């Protein structure tokens, strides 16, 4: 189980220019509501969905997750994290769905390209979390109604599903530490 996806309110969205974007091509088909948990900090993660739909500018890629900026944490099994920059073909990652079920799938290819990026900030109570995604109609997040929402169509005050966490990691392992991240 993902262990409690929660509703978060989108509070800010901003274009931040071009950066290194990572696509993870997995070795199995993904359902439209499957994805990985990604975040800028250890405070929490957004459920970013597979490219399992045709959009105005992209054909469906049911094996791909456009995972955003290279610096992201990706939440793995057993509450461990990795940076997207560390992942390589053959690594196994944890994929989650709208029912909070998970499965492990190997990475077949990691593709890094320069793309325009956007920062999305959301809050659960007083906790603010964020993600840096490609500004593209192929990038989707999940709403509390389990609907797929294009990240470029998000607006302030909308609600999406996220997972909160406690910051403090060393080489992907949780540690007790005083840390400031934003």
Protein backbone atom coordinates (compact mmCIF):
# COMPACT_ATOMS: atom_id res chain seq x y z
CA UNK A 1 0.00 0.00 0.00
CA UNK A 2 1.08 3.57 -0.65
CA UNK A 3 0.07 4.35 2.87
CA UNK A 4 -2.34 7.24 2.72
CA UNK A 5 -2.60 9.33 -0.35
CA UNK A 6 -4.08 12.63 0.76
CA UNK A 7 -5.83 15.55 -0.85
CA UNK A 8 -3.67 18.60 -1.35
CA UNK A 9 -4.68 22.05 -2.51
CA UNK A 10 -2.65 23.54 -5.36
CA UNK A 11 -1.45 26.94 -4.13
CA UNK A 12 1.06 28.03 -6.77
CA UNK A 13 2.08 27.17 -10.32
CA UNK A 14 4.93 28.88 -12.13
CA UNK A 15 7.00 28.39 -15.26
CA UNK A 16 10.67 28.23 -14.32
CA UNK A 17 12.42 27.87 -17.67
CA UNK A 18 14.29 25.03 -19.29
CA UNK A 19 15.98 22.20 -17.43
CA UNK A 20 16.86 18.51 -17.59
CA UNK A 21 13.71 16.39 -17.68
CA UNK A 22 13.75 12.63 -17.09
CA UNK A 23 11.47 10.07 -18.76
CA UNK A 24 11.43 6.57 -17.32
CA UNK A 25 10.53 3.91 -19.88
CA UNK A 26 9.46 0.78 -18.00
CA UNK A 27 9.42 -2.81 -19.22
CA UNK A 28 5.68 -3.31 -18.76
CA UNK A 29 2.39 -1.64 -19.68
CA UNK A 30 1.03 0.85 -17.18
CA UNK A 31 -2.63 1.65 -16.58
CA UNK A 32 -3.69 5.29 -17.05
CA UNK A 33 -3.94 5.78 -13.28
CA UNK A 34 -0.57 4.19 -12.44
CA UNK A 35 2.46 6.32 -11.75
CA UNK A 36 5.29 7.09 -9.37
CA UNK A 37 5.58 9.36 -6.35
CA UNK A 38 7.90 12.32 -7.03
CA UNK A 39 8.85 15.45 -5.15
CA UNK A 40 11.31 18.30 -4.85
CA UNK A 41 11.84 17.62 -1.13
CA UNK A 42 11.35 14.93 1.45
CA UNK A 43 8.21 16.65 2.77
CA UNK A 44 6.04 14.82 0.24
CA UNK A 45 5.42 13.51 -3.24
CA UNK A 46 2.94 13.97 -6.08
CA UNK A 47 1.50 10.92 -7.86
CA UNK A 48 2.66 11.55 -11.46
CA UNK A 49 0.93 9.25 -13.94
CA UNK A 50 2.03 7.21 -16.94
CA UNK A 51 1.75 8.70 -20.44
CA UNK A 52 -1.03 6.23 -21.15
CA UNK A 53 -3.25 8.53 -23.18
CA UNK A 54 -3.10 10.31 -26.52
CA UNK A 55 -2.95 14.10 -26.26
CA UNK A 56 -2.93 16.90 -28.81
CA UNK A 57 0.86 16.76 -29.07
CA UNK A 58 1.90 13.23 -27.99
CA UNK A 59 0.82 9.67 -28.84
CA UNK A 60 0.16 7.31 -25.93
CA UNK A 61 3.27 5.79 -24.38
CA UNK A 62 1.81 3.24 -21.93
CA UNK A 63 5.29 2.27 -20.69
CA UNK A 64 6.53 5.81 -19.94
CA UNK A 65 6.42 8.15 -16.97
CA UNK A 66 7.51 11.71 -17.71
CA UNK A 67 9.08 12.21 -14.30
CA UNK A 68 10.05 15.86 -14.40
CA UNK A 69 13.26 17.46 -13.21
CA UNK A 70 16.42 15.42 -12.73
CA UNK A 71 16.78 16.42 -9.05
CA UNK A 72 13.46 14.86 -7.94
CA UNK A 73 13.19 12.34 -5.20
CA UNK A 74 11.31 9.22 -6.31
CA UNK A 75 9.72 7.24 -3.49
CA UNK A 76 10.60 3.57 -3.61
CA UNK A 77 9.46 0.59 -1.59
CA UNK A 78 10.16 0.53 2.17
CA UNK A 79 10.10 4.34 2.39
CA UNK A 80 13.45 4.65 0.59
CA UNK A 81 14.09 7.33 -2.01
CA UNK A 82 16.42 7.82 -4.95
CA UNK A 83 17.18 10.83 -7.08
CA UNK A 84 15.95 10.53 -10.66
CA UNK A 85 19.56 11.26 -11.68
CA UNK A 86 20.64 8.01 -9.98
CA UNK A 87 18.22 5.67 -11.76
CA UNK A 88 19.46 3.47 -14.59
CA UNK A 89 18.16 0.69 -16.85
CA UNK A 90 17.66 -2.51 -14.88
CA UNK A 91 16.76 -0.73 -11.63
CA UNK A 92 13.39 -1.73 -10.22
CA UNK A 93 11.02 1.03 -9.13
CA UNK A 94 7.68 0.99 -7.37
CA UNK A 95 4.60 2.00 -9.34
CA UNK A 96 1.42 3.02 -7.51
CA UNK A 97 -2.22 3.25 -8.60
CA UNK A 98 -5.34 5.12 -7.52
CA UNK A 99 -6.29 2.28 -5.14
CA UNK A 100 -2.96 2.73 -3.33
CA UNK A 101 -1.75 -0.63 -4.62
CA UNK A 102 1.83 -0.97 -5.77
CA UNK A 103 3.92 -3.18 -7.98
CA UNK A 104 7.58 -3.33 -8.92
CA UNK A 105 8.68 -2.81 -12.52
CA UNK A 106 12.17 -2.63 -14.02
CA UNK A 107 13.36 0.41 -15.93
CA UNK A 108 14.17 -0.33 -19.57
CA UNK A 109 15.48 3.12 -20.50
CA UNK A 110 16.18 6.47 -18.88
CA UNK A 111 15.84 9.42 -21.25
CA UNK A 112 17.05 12.91 -20.25
CA UNK A 113 16.32 15.94 -22.42
CA UNK A 114 16.16 19.71 -22.04
CA UNK A 115 12.53 20.80 -21.73
CA UNK A 116 10.49 23.72 -20.33
CA UNK A 117 9.63 23.09 -16.69
CA UNK A 118 6.98 24.25 -14.25
CA UNK A 119 6.93 24.21 -10.47
CA UNK A 120 3.69 23.14 -8.78
CA UNK A 121 3.27 23.83 -5.06
CA UNK A 122 0.49 22.23 -2.99
CA UNK A 123 -0.48 22.22 0.68
CA UNK A 124 -1.93 19.68 3.06
CA UNK A 125 -2.79 21.63 6.19
CA UNK A 126 0.33 23.67 6.99
CA UNK A 127 2.68 21.37 5.05
CA UNK A 128 3.80 22.64 1.66
CA UNK A 129 5.19 20.24 -0.94
CA UNK A 130 6.26 20.77 -4.53
CA UNK A 131 7.19 19.10 -7.77
CA UNK A 132 8.95 20.31 -10.94
CA UNK A 133 7.27 18.91 -14.06
CA UNK A 134 7.67 19.33 -17.79
CA UNK A 135 5.23 21.85 -19.24
CA UNK A 136 3.56 19.36 -21.59
CA UNK A 137 0.06 18.00 -22.09
CA UNK A 138 1.39 14.45 -21.64
CA UNK A 139 2.13 14.96 -17.91
CA UNK A 140 -0.80 14.05 -15.66
CA UNK A 141 -1.53 13.93 -11.93
CA UNK A 142 -4.44 12.30 -10.10
CA UNK A 143 -7.44 14.08 -8.57
CA UNK A 144 -9.26 12.91 -5.41
CA UNK A 145 -12.00 11.60 -7.73
CA UNK A 146 -9.33 9.36 -9.33
CA UNK A 147 -9.46 11.35 -12.56
CA UNK A 148 -6.38 12.10 -14.63
CA UNK A 149 -5.58 15.81 -14.79
CA UNK A 150 -3.02 17.37 -17.18
CA UNK A 151 -0.47 19.24 -15.07
CA UNK A 152 -0.52 22.19 -17.51
CA UNK A 153 -4.28 22.54 -16.86
CA UNK A 154 -3.91 22.70 -13.06
CA UNK A 155 -5.14 25.86 -11.39
CA UNK A 156 -4.74 27.25 -7.90
CA UNK A 157 -7.32 25.93 -5.40
CA UNK A 158 -7.72 22.62 -7.29
CA UNK A 159 -7.14 19.41 -5.38
CA UNK A 160 -4.81 16.55 -6.28
CA UNK A 161 -3.54 13.40 -4.55
CA UNK A 162 -0.16 13.43 -2.80
CA UNK A 163 1.73 11.54 -0.11
CA UNK A 164 3.25 13.40 2.82
CA UNK A 165 6.57 12.32 4.31
CA UNK A 166 9.14 13.43 6.87
CA UNK A 167 12.30 15.01 5.43
CA UNK A 168 15.68 13.60 6.37
CA UNK A 169 17.44 11.10 4.12
CA UNK A 170 20.98 9.85 3.70
CA UNK A 171 21.63 7.83 0.55
CA UNK A 172 17.89 7.23 0.26
CA UNK A 173 17.48 5.87 3.79
CA UNK A 174 15.32 7.69 6.32
CA UNK A 175 17.32 9.20 9.18
CA UNK A 176 16.49 11.34 12.20
CA UNK A 177 17.93 14.74 11.48
CA UNK A 178 17.06 18.39 11.64
CA UNK A 179 16.73 19.48 8.04
CA UNK A 180 15.32 22.49 6.25
CA UNK A 181 14.13 21.91 2.68
CA UNK A 182 11.96 24.06 0.46
